[in-house]
C-alpha atoms as a PDB file:
ATOM      1  CA  MET A   1     -12.530   6.126  18.720  1.00  0.00           C
ATOM      2  CA  ARG A   2      -9.027   5.119  19.780  1.00  0.00           C
ATOM      3  CA  ASN A   3      -6.507   3.811  17.241  1.00  0.00           C
ATOM      4  CA  GLN A   4      -8.583   5.095  14.333  1.00  0.00           C
ATOM      5  CA  ILE A   5      -7.420   5.992  10.838  1.00  0.00           C
ATOM      6  CA  GLU A   6      -9.281   7.704   7.995  1.00  0.00           C
ATOM      7  CA  PHE A   7      -8.400   7.664   4.325  1.00  0.00           C
ATOM      8  CA  GLU A   8      -9.810   7.907   0.824  1.00  0.00           C
ATOM      9  CA  VAL A   9      -9.315   5.112  -1.691  1.00  0.00           C
ATOM     10  CA  SER A  10     -10.085   5.499  -5.380  1.00  0.00           C
ATOM     11  CA  GLY A  11      -9.570   3.699  -8.647  1.00  0.00           C
ATOM     12  CA  ARG A  12     -10.674   3.448 -12.233  1.00  0.00           C
ATOM     13  CA  TYR A  13     -12.322   0.061 -11.685  1.00  0.00           C
ATOM     14  CA  ALA A  14     -13.383  -2.169  -8.774  1.00  0.00           C
ATOM     15  CA  LEU A  15     -14.707  -5.733  -8.603  1.00  0.00           C
ATOM     16  CA  PHE A  16     -16.262  -6.808  -5.301  1.00  0.00           C
ATOM     17  CA  THR A  17     -17.422 -10.153  -6.636  1.00  0.00           C
ATOM     18  CA  ASP A  18     -20.822 -11.547  -5.729  1.00  0.00           C
ATOM     19  CA  PRO A  19     -19.969 -15.237  -5.057  1.00  0.00           C
ATOM     20  CA  LEU A  20     -23.233 -16.384  -6.654  1.00  0.00           C
ATOM     21  CA  THR A  21     -22.079 -15.162 -10.076  1.00  0.00           C
ATOM     22  CA  LYS A  22     -18.910 -17.295 -10.005  1.00  0.00           C
ATOM     23  CA  LEU A  23     -20.863 -20.517 -10.502  1.00  0.00           C
ATOM     24  CA  GLY A  24     -21.111 -19.961 -14.240  1.00  0.00           C
ATOM     25  CA  GLY A  25     -17.587 -18.619 -14.642  1.00  0.00           C
ATOM     26  CA  GLU A  26     -18.721 -15.005 -14.781  1.00  0.00           C
ATOM     27  CA  LYS A  27     -17.975 -12.283 -12.230  1.00  0.00           C
ATOM     28  CA  PHE A  28     -20.420  -9.550 -11.286  1.00  0.00           C
ATOM     29  CA  SER A  29     -19.546  -6.890  -8.730  1.00  0.00           C
ATOM     30  CA  TYR A  30     -21.635  -5.941  -5.744  1.00  0.00           C
ATOM     31  CA  GLN A  31     -22.760  -2.320  -5.940  1.00  0.00           C
ATOM     32  CA  ILE A  32     -20.809  -1.461  -2.799  1.00  0.00           C
ATOM     33  CA  PRO A  33     -17.532  -2.730  -1.293  1.00  0.00           C
ATOM     34  CA  THR A  34     -17.666  -5.633   1.118  1.00  0.00           C
ATOM     35  CA  TYR A  35     -16.304  -5.417   4.643  1.00  0.00           C
ATOM     36  CA  GLN A  36     -13.647  -7.999   3.776  1.00  0.00           C
ATOM     37  CA  ALA A  37     -12.454  -6.055   0.721  1.00  0.00           C
ATOM     38  CA  LEU A  38     -12.090  -2.860   2.761  1.00  0.00           C
ATOM     39  CA  LYS A  39     -10.329  -4.766   5.527  1.00  0.00           C
ATOM     40  CA  GLY A  40      -7.876  -6.052   2.923  1.00  0.00           C
ATOM     41  CA  ILE A  41      -7.218  -2.479   1.811  1.00  0.00           C
ATOM     42  CA  VAL A  42      -6.624  -1.363   5.398  1.00  0.00           C
ATOM     43  CA  GLU A  43      -4.244  -4.283   5.932  1.00  0.00           C
ATOM     44  CA  SER A  44      -2.365  -3.254   2.778  1.00  0.00           C
ATOM     45  CA  VAL A  45      -1.901   0.165   4.345  1.00  0.00           C
ATOM     46  CA  TYR A  46      -0.457  -1.354   7.541  1.00  0.00           C
ATOM     47  CA  TRP A  47      -0.744  -4.758   9.190  1.00  0.00           C
ATOM     48  CA  LYS A  48       0.923  -6.956  11.782  1.00  0.00           C
ATOM     49  CA  PRO A  49      -0.439 -10.197  13.273  1.00  0.00           C
ATOM     50  CA  THR A  50      -0.612  -8.396  16.623  1.00  0.00           C
ATOM     51  CA  LEU A  51      -3.558  -6.358  15.309  1.00  0.00           C
ATOM     52  CA  ILE A  52      -7.105  -6.931  14.124  1.00  0.00           C
ATOM     53  CA  TRP A  53      -8.473  -4.121  11.961  1.00  0.00           C
ATOM     54  CA  ILE A  54     -12.168  -3.304  12.381  1.00  0.00           C
ATOM     55  CA  VAL A  55     -13.768  -1.371   9.504  1.00  0.00           C
ATOM     56  CA  ASP A  56     -16.253   1.041  11.074  1.00  0.00           C
ATOM     57  CA  GLU A  57     -17.845   2.708   8.058  1.00  0.00           C
ATOM     58  CA  VAL A  58     -17.423   3.640   4.423  1.00  0.00           C
ATOM     59  CA  ARG A  59     -18.753   6.664   2.543  1.00  0.00           C
ATOM     60  CA  ILE A  60     -19.656   6.241  -1.129  1.00  0.00           C
ATOM     61  CA  MET A  61     -18.417   9.389  -2.857  1.00  0.00           C
ATOM     62  CA  ASN A  62     -19.067   8.737  -6.565  1.00  0.00           C
ATOM     63  CA  PRO A  63     -22.225   7.488  -8.318  1.00  0.00           C
ATOM     64  CA  ILE A  64     -22.474   3.699  -8.606  1.00  0.00           C
ATOM     65  CA  GLN A  65     -21.755   2.803 -12.245  1.00  0.00           C
ATOM     66  CA  THR A  66     -20.966  -0.529 -13.896  1.00  0.00           C
ATOM     67  CA  GLU A  67     -19.077  -1.571 -17.015  1.00  0.00           C
ATOM     68  CA  SER A  68     -18.894  -5.057 -18.543  1.00  0.00           C
ATOM     69  CA  LYS A  69     -15.817  -6.427 -20.263  1.00  0.00           C
ATOM     70  CA  GLY A  70     -15.198  -9.571 -22.269  1.00  0.00           C
ATOM     71  CA  MET A  71     -12.395 -11.559 -20.617  1.00  0.00           C
ATOM     72  CA  ARG A  72     -10.369 -14.672 -21.397  1.00  0.00           C
ATOM     73  CA  PRO A  73      -9.618 -16.235 -17.981  1.00  0.00           C
ATOM     74  CA  ILE A  74      -7.339 -19.258 -17.726  1.00  0.00           C
ATOM     75  CA  GLU A  75      -9.118 -22.536 -17.010  1.00  0.00           C
ATOM     76  CA  TYR A  76      -7.819 -24.898 -14.313  1.00  0.00           C
ATOM     77  CA  SER A  77      -7.629 -27.672 -16.913  1.00  0.00           C
ATOM     78  CA  GLY A  78      -5.517 -25.487 -19.199  1.00  0.00           C
ATOM     79  CA  GLY A  79      -6.274 -23.093 -22.032  1.00  0.00           C
ATOM     80  CA  ASN A  80      -8.630 -20.129 -21.962  1.00  0.00           C
ATOM     81  CA  THR A  81     -12.361 -19.614 -21.819  1.00  0.00           C
ATOM     82  CA  LEU A  82     -14.632 -16.680 -22.564  1.00  0.00           C
ATOM     83  CA  ALA A  83     -16.462 -14.774 -19.819  1.00  0.00           C
ATOM     84  CA  TYR A  84     -17.974 -11.382 -19.065  1.00  0.00           C
ATOM     85  CA  TYR A  85     -16.864  -9.530 -15.938  1.00  0.00           C
ATOM     86  CA  THR A  86     -18.957  -6.609 -14.704  1.00  0.00           C
ATOM     87  CA  TYR A  87     -16.907  -3.998 -12.856  1.00  0.00           C
ATOM     88  CA  LEU A  88     -17.720  -0.862 -10.924  1.00  0.00           C
ATOM     89  CA  ARG A  89     -16.333   2.152 -12.734  1.00  0.00           C
ATOM     90  CA  ASP A  90     -14.705   5.337 -11.377  1.00  0.00           C
ATOM     91  CA  VAL A  91     -14.988   4.525  -7.673  1.00  0.00           C
ATOM     92  CA  ARG A  92     -14.038   6.647  -4.689  1.00  0.00           C
ATOM     93  CA  TYR A  93     -14.616   5.810  -1.026  1.00  0.00           C
ATOM     94  CA  GLN A  94     -13.841   7.369   2.322  1.00  0.00           C
ATOM     95  CA  VAL A  95     -12.992   4.723   4.921  1.00  0.00           C
ATOM     96  CA  ARG A  96     -12.839   4.860   8.712  1.00  0.00           C
ATOM     97  CA  ALA A  97     -11.294   1.941  10.629  1.00  0.00           C
ATOM     98  CA  HIS A  98      -9.598   1.206  13.942  1.00  0.00           C
ATOM     99  CA  PHE A  99      -7.450  -1.592  15.292  1.00  0.00           C
ATOM    100  CA  GLU A 100      -7.704  -3.762  18.373  1.00  0.00           C
ATOM    101  CA  PHE A 101      -5.102  -6.144  19.718  1.00  0.00           C
ATOM    102  CA  ASN A 102      -5.588  -9.796  18.849  1.00  0.00           C
ATOM    103  CA  ALA A 103      -6.487 -11.524  22.110  1.00  0.00           C
ATOM    104  CA  HIS A 104      -5.768 -14.912  20.505  1.00  0.00           C
ATOM    105  CA  ARG A 105      -2.121 -14.002  19.858  1.00  0.00           C
ATOM    106  CA  GLU A 106      -0.587 -14.478  23.271  1.00  0.00           C
ATOM    107  CA  ASP A 107       2.763 -15.155  21.578  1.00  0.00           C
ATOM    108  CA  LEU A 108       2.775 -11.507  20.408  1.00  0.00           C
ATOM    109  CA  ILE A 109       1.648  -9.852  23.635  1.00  0.00           C
ATOM    110  CA  HIS A 110       5.039  -8.123  23.945  1.00  0.00           C
ATOM    111  CA  ASP A 111       4.249  -6.240  20.712  1.00  0.00           C
ATOM    112  CA  GLN A 112       1.021  -4.664  22.005  1.00  0.00           C
ATOM    113  CA  ASN A 113       2.314  -1.087  21.941  1.00  0.00           C
ATOM    114  CA  GLU A 114      -0.749   0.977  21.105  1.00  0.00           C
ATOM    115  CA  HIS A 115       0.964   4.294  20.368  1.00  0.00           C
ATOM    116  CA  LYS A 116       3.633   2.717  18.183  1.00  0.00           C
ATOM    117  CA  HIS A 117       1.181   0.918  15.912  1.00  0.00           C
ATOM    118  CA  HIS A 118      -1.210   3.854  15.686  1.00  0.00           C
ATOM    119  CA  ASN A 119       1.551   6.264  14.713  1.00  0.00           C
ATOM    120  CA  ILE A 120       2.961   3.880  12.118  1.00  0.00           C
ATOM    121  CA  ALA A 121      -0.545   3.318  10.670  1.00  0.00           C
ATOM    122  CA  LYS A 122      -1.182   7.069  10.360  1.00  0.00           C
ATOM    123  CA  ARG A 123       2.148   7.608   8.621  1.00  0.00           C
ATOM    124  CA  ALA A 124       1.473   4.647   6.338  1.00  0.00           C
ATOM    125  CA  VAL A 125      -1.766   6.348   5.235  1.00  0.00           C
ATOM    126  CA  GLN A 126       0.185   9.513   4.425  1.00  0.00           C
ATOM    127  CA  VAL A 127       2.455   7.638   2.012  1.00  0.00           C
ATOM    128  CA  GLY A 128      -0.356   5.678   0.357  1.00  0.00           C
ATOM    129  CA  GLY A 129       0.089   2.375   2.167  1.00  0.00           C
ATOM    130  CA  ARG A 130       2.871  -0.148   2.598  1.00  0.00           C
ATOM    131  CA  ARG A 131       1.701  -2.573  -0.096  1.00  0.00           C
ATOM    132  CA  ASP A 132      -0.121  -2.309  -3.408  1.00  0.00           C
ATOM    133  CA  ILE A 133      -3.798  -1.442  -3.058  1.00  0.00           C
ATOM    134  CA  PHE A 134      -6.420  -3.474  -4.908  1.00  0.00           C
ATOM    135  CA  LEU A 135     -10.142  -2.792  -5.144  1.00  0.00           C
ATOM    136  CA  GLY A 136     -11.557  -6.283  -4.763  1.00  0.00           C
ATOM    137  CA  THR A 137      -9.283  -8.015  -7.266  1.00  0.00           C
ATOM    138  CA  ARG A 138      -5.723  -7.651  -8.467  1.00  0.00           C
ATOM    139  CA  GLU A 139      -6.477  -6.114 -11.861  1.00  0.00           C
ATOM    140  CA  CYS A 140      -8.255  -3.203 -10.129  1.00  0.00           C
ATOM    141  CA  GLN A 141      -5.489  -0.954  -8.842  1.00  0.00           C
ATOM    142  CA  GLY A 142      -6.421   1.485  -6.069  1.00  0.00           C
ATOM    143  CA  TYR A 143      -4.817   4.580  -4.585  1.00  0.00           C
ATOM    144  CA  VAL A 144      -4.928   5.679  -0.950  1.00  0.00           C
ATOM    145  CA  GLU A 145      -4.543   9.169   0.460  1.00  0.00           C
ATOM    146  CA  ALA A 146      -5.283  10.733   3.825  1.00  0.00           C
ATOM    147  CA  CYS A 147      -8.623  12.492   4.332  1.00  0.00           C
ATOM    148  CA  THR A 148     -11.037  13.599   7.017  1.00  0.00           C
ATOM    149  CA  PHE A 149     -14.048  11.307   6.970  1.00  0.00           C
ATOM    150  CA  GLY A 150     -17.195  13.254   6.048  1.00  0.00           C
ATOM    151  CA  GLU A 151     -15.462  16.151   4.315  1.00  0.00           C
ATOM    152  CA  GLY A 152     -16.257  16.996   0.719  1.00  0.00           C
ATOM    153  CA  GLU A 153     -19.401  16.424  -1.310  1.00  0.00           C
ATOM    154  CA  GLY A 154     -20.605  12.886  -1.889  1.00  0.00           C
ATOM    155  CA  PHE A 155     -23.047  11.833  -4.605  1.00  0.00           C
ATOM    156  CA  TYR A 156     -25.458  10.189  -2.135  1.00  0.00           C
ATOM    157  CA  ASP A 157     -25.478  12.908   0.511  1.00  0.00           C
ATOM    158  CA  GLY A 158     -29.073  13.549   1.604  1.00  0.00           C
ATOM    159  CA  ILE A 159     -30.446  10.602  -0.420  1.00  0.00           C
ATOM    160  CA  GLY A 160     -31.812   8.819   2.644  1.00  0.00           C
ATOM    161  CA  GLU A 161     -31.698   5.059   3.167  1.00  0.00           C
ATOM    162  CA  LEU A 162     -30.932   2.510   0.460  1.00  0.00           C
ATOM    163  CA  ASP A 163     -31.151  -1.236   1.135  1.00  0.00           C
ATOM    164  CA  PHE A 164     -28.741  -3.584  -0.675  1.00  0.00           C
ATOM    165  CA  GLY A 165     -30.154  -6.792   0.789  1.00  0.00           C
ATOM    166  CA  THR A 166     -28.181  -9.738   2.106  1.00  0.00           C
ATOM    167  CA  MET A 167     -24.574  -9.809   0.917  1.00  0.00           C
ATOM    168  CA  LEU A 168     -21.188 -11.140   1.884  1.00  0.00           C
ATOM    169  CA  HIS A 169     -19.684  -9.491   4.953  1.00  0.00           C
ATOM    170  CA  GLY A 170     -16.384 -11.370   5.233  1.00  0.00           C
ATOM    171  CA  ILE A 171     -14.472 -14.460   6.299  1.00  0.00           C
ATOM    172  CA  SER A 172     -13.470 -15.300   9.880  1.00  0.00           C
ATOM    173  CA  TYR A 173     -10.075 -16.985  10.167  1.00  0.00           C
ATOM    174  CA  PRO A 174      -8.751 -19.111  13.065  1.00  0.00           C
ATOM    175  CA  ASP A 175      -6.073 -16.613  14.137  1.00  0.00           C
ATOM    176  CA  GLU A 176      -8.770 -14.001  14.844  1.00  0.00           C
ATOM    177  CA  THR A 177     -11.448 -16.241  16.366  1.00  0.00           C
ATOM    178  CA  GLY A 178      -9.467 -18.854  18.277  1.00  0.00           C
ATOM    179  CA  ARG A 179     -11.514 -21.607  16.577  1.00  0.00           C
ATOM    180  CA  ASN A 180      -9.882 -24.120  14.231  1.00  0.00           C
ATOM    181  CA  GLU A 181     -12.284 -23.417  11.394  1.00  0.00           C
ATOM    182  CA  ARG A 182     -13.035 -20.836   8.757  1.00  0.00           C
ATOM    183  CA  GLU A 183     -16.439 -19.143   8.728  1.00  0.00           C
ATOM    184  CA  VAL A 184     -18.288 -17.106   6.108  1.00  0.00           C
ATOM    185  CA  ARG A 185     -20.320 -14.162   7.383  1.00  0.00           C
ATOM    186  CA  LEU A 186     -23.337 -12.564   5.687  1.00  0.00           C
ATOM    187  CA  TRP A 187     -25.193  -9.400   6.663  1.00  0.00           C
ATOM    188  CA  LYS A 188     -27.934  -7.045   5.485  1.00  0.00           C
ATOM    189  CA  ALA A 189     -26.298  -3.947   4.064  1.00  0.00           C
ATOM    190  CA  LYS A 190     -27.903  -0.516   4.248  1.00  0.00           C
ATOM    191  CA  MET A 191     -26.635   2.901   3.197  1.00  0.00           C
ATOM    192  CA  LYS A 192     -27.922   6.132   4.740  1.00  0.00           C
ATOM    193  CA  ASN A 193     -26.958   9.460   3.177  1.00  0.00           C
ATOM    194  CA  GLY A 194     -24.063   7.779   1.419  1.00  0.00           C
ATOM    195  CA  ILE A 195     -22.617   6.130   4.548  1.00  0.00           C
ATOM    196  CA  ILE A 196     -22.584   2.407   5.313  1.00  0.00           C
ATOM    197  CA  ARG A 197     -21.924   1.503   8.953  1.00  0.00           C
ATOM    198  CA  PHE A 198     -20.719  -2.067   9.212  1.00  0.00           C
ATOM    199  CA  ASP A 199     -21.632  -4.625  11.823  1.00  0.00           C
ATOM    200  CA  ARG A 200     -18.610  -5.906  13.675  1.00  0.00           C
ATOM    201  CA  PRO A 201     -17.611  -9.458  12.681  1.00  0.00           C
ATOM    202  CA  ASP A 202     -18.671 -10.771  16.096  1.00  0.00           C
ATOM    203  CA  GLN A 203     -22.099  -9.127  15.661  1.00  0.00           C
ATOM    204  CA  CYS A 204     -22.961 -10.951  12.425  1.00  0.00           C
ATOM    205  CA  THR A 205     -25.698 -13.530  12.957  1.00  0.00           C
ATOM    206  CA  LEU A 206     -25.652 -15.148   9.492  1.00  0.00           C
ATOM    207  CA  VAL A 207     -22.535 -17.294   9.851  1.00  0.00           C
ATOM    208  CA  ARG A 208     -21.696 -20.552   8.096  1.00  0.00           C
ATOM    209  CA  LYS A 209     -18.723 -22.889   8.572  1.00  0.00           C
ATOM    210  CA  ALA A 210     -16.531 -23.036   5.455  1.00  0.00           C
ATOM    211  CA  GLY A 211     -13.770 -25.464   6.399  1.00  0.00           C
ATOM    212  CA  GLU A 212     -11.087 -26.449   8.877  1.00  0.00           C
ATOM    213  CA  GLY A 213      -7.977 -24.436   9.649  1.00  0.00           C
ATOM    214  CA  SER A 214      -5.496 -23.372  12.276  1.00  0.00           C
ATOM    215  CA  ALA A 215      -3.675 -20.188  13.232  1.00  0.00           C
ATOM    216  CA  LYS A 216      -0.246 -19.616  11.699  1.00  0.00           C
ATOM    217  CA  VAL A 217       2.735 -19.662  14.046  1.00  0.00           C
ATOM    218  CA  PHE A 218       5.134 -16.742  13.606  1.00  0.00           C
ATOM    219  CA  ASP A 219       8.822 -16.522  14.404  1.00  0.00           C
ATOM    220  CA  THR A 220       9.026 -13.540  16.782  1.00  0.00           C
ATOM    221  CA  SER A 221      12.792 -13.632  17.245  1.00  0.00           C
ATOM    222  CA  ASN A 222      13.342 -10.727  14.817  1.00  0.00           C
ATOM    223  CA  MET A 223      10.411  -8.584  15.972  1.00  0.00           C
ATOM    224  CA  GLU A 224      12.662  -5.768  17.197  1.00  0.00           C
ATOM    225  CA  SER A 225      14.519  -5.528  13.886  1.00  0.00           C
ATOM    226  CA  VAL A 226      11.197  -5.308  12.038  1.00  0.00           C
ATOM    227  CA  ASP A 227      10.108  -2.462  14.304  1.00  0.00           C
ATOM    228  CA  GLU A 228      13.370  -0.661  13.545  1.00  0.00           C
ATOM    229  CA  LEU A 229      12.607  -0.912   9.823  1.00  0.00           C
ATOM    230  CA  HIS A 230       9.142   0.568  10.453  1.00  0.00           C
ATOM    231  CA  SER A 231      10.809   3.424  12.294  1.00  0.00           C
ATOM    232  CA  GLU A 232      13.162   4.038   9.372  1.00  0.00           C
ATOM    233  CA  TRP A 233      10.424   3.882   6.722  1.00  0.00           C
ATOM    234  CA  PHE A 234       7.730   5.899   8.461  1.00  0.00           C
ATOM    235  CA  GLY A 235       9.686   8.153  10.828  1.00  0.00           C
ATOM    236  CA  THR A 236       8.156   6.593  13.939  1.00  0.00           C
ATOM    237  CA  GLU A 237      10.144   5.857  17.058  1.00  0.00           C
ATOM    238  CA  VAL A 238       9.725   2.298  18.309  1.00  0.00           C
ATOM    239  CA  SER A 239       9.091   3.596  21.807  1.00  0.00           C
ATOM    240  CA  GLU A 240       6.091   5.687  20.746  1.00  0.00           C
END
């Protein structure tokens, strides 16, 4: 697929929170990463408002293990409370994603240089991303490195199909949909031989409105200077 990148992300802990467990102040991780969490990781590697990253698939490399910890989160009313958070432990994933240009960003149409963005994204993968990588939540630091998707031995290779039921897919924002509202997407997740192939956001049928919103307006007057910085950081010519 065009404009595709592949990388491996790993970390000591991950917390892809099941929203249902937040009601009582606890946090319990899904067994697998959500589409939105992986999209956030890809955007930490490289992102501009000109692009929309589509996560194609993820490969679960390590066995799914959990570990609970007693935490003292800060309450909104002040002070601390006691809670148990259940994390995934020793995680490693191979991720494949590609970008498409945001059709709802006509103000950035001059920045739709396919080769430039693809080359910068590939170089960003090589250096471990442009921003800090988090596995679901900030206290779970992640590390990115380049890989070839499918290489190496995964724990669930040859296992067959596993069904994880209905879970959170992600959130649709106005700047990517053209609608002045936020939407929550659900989907039915399945893993086959260690690989989860995601539905595209526009293919999800379980969608619920979550509030009003509008697309952010960007100042594009310094776009060229930003591209020059990308060239300096990642060794990519702006004209590519």
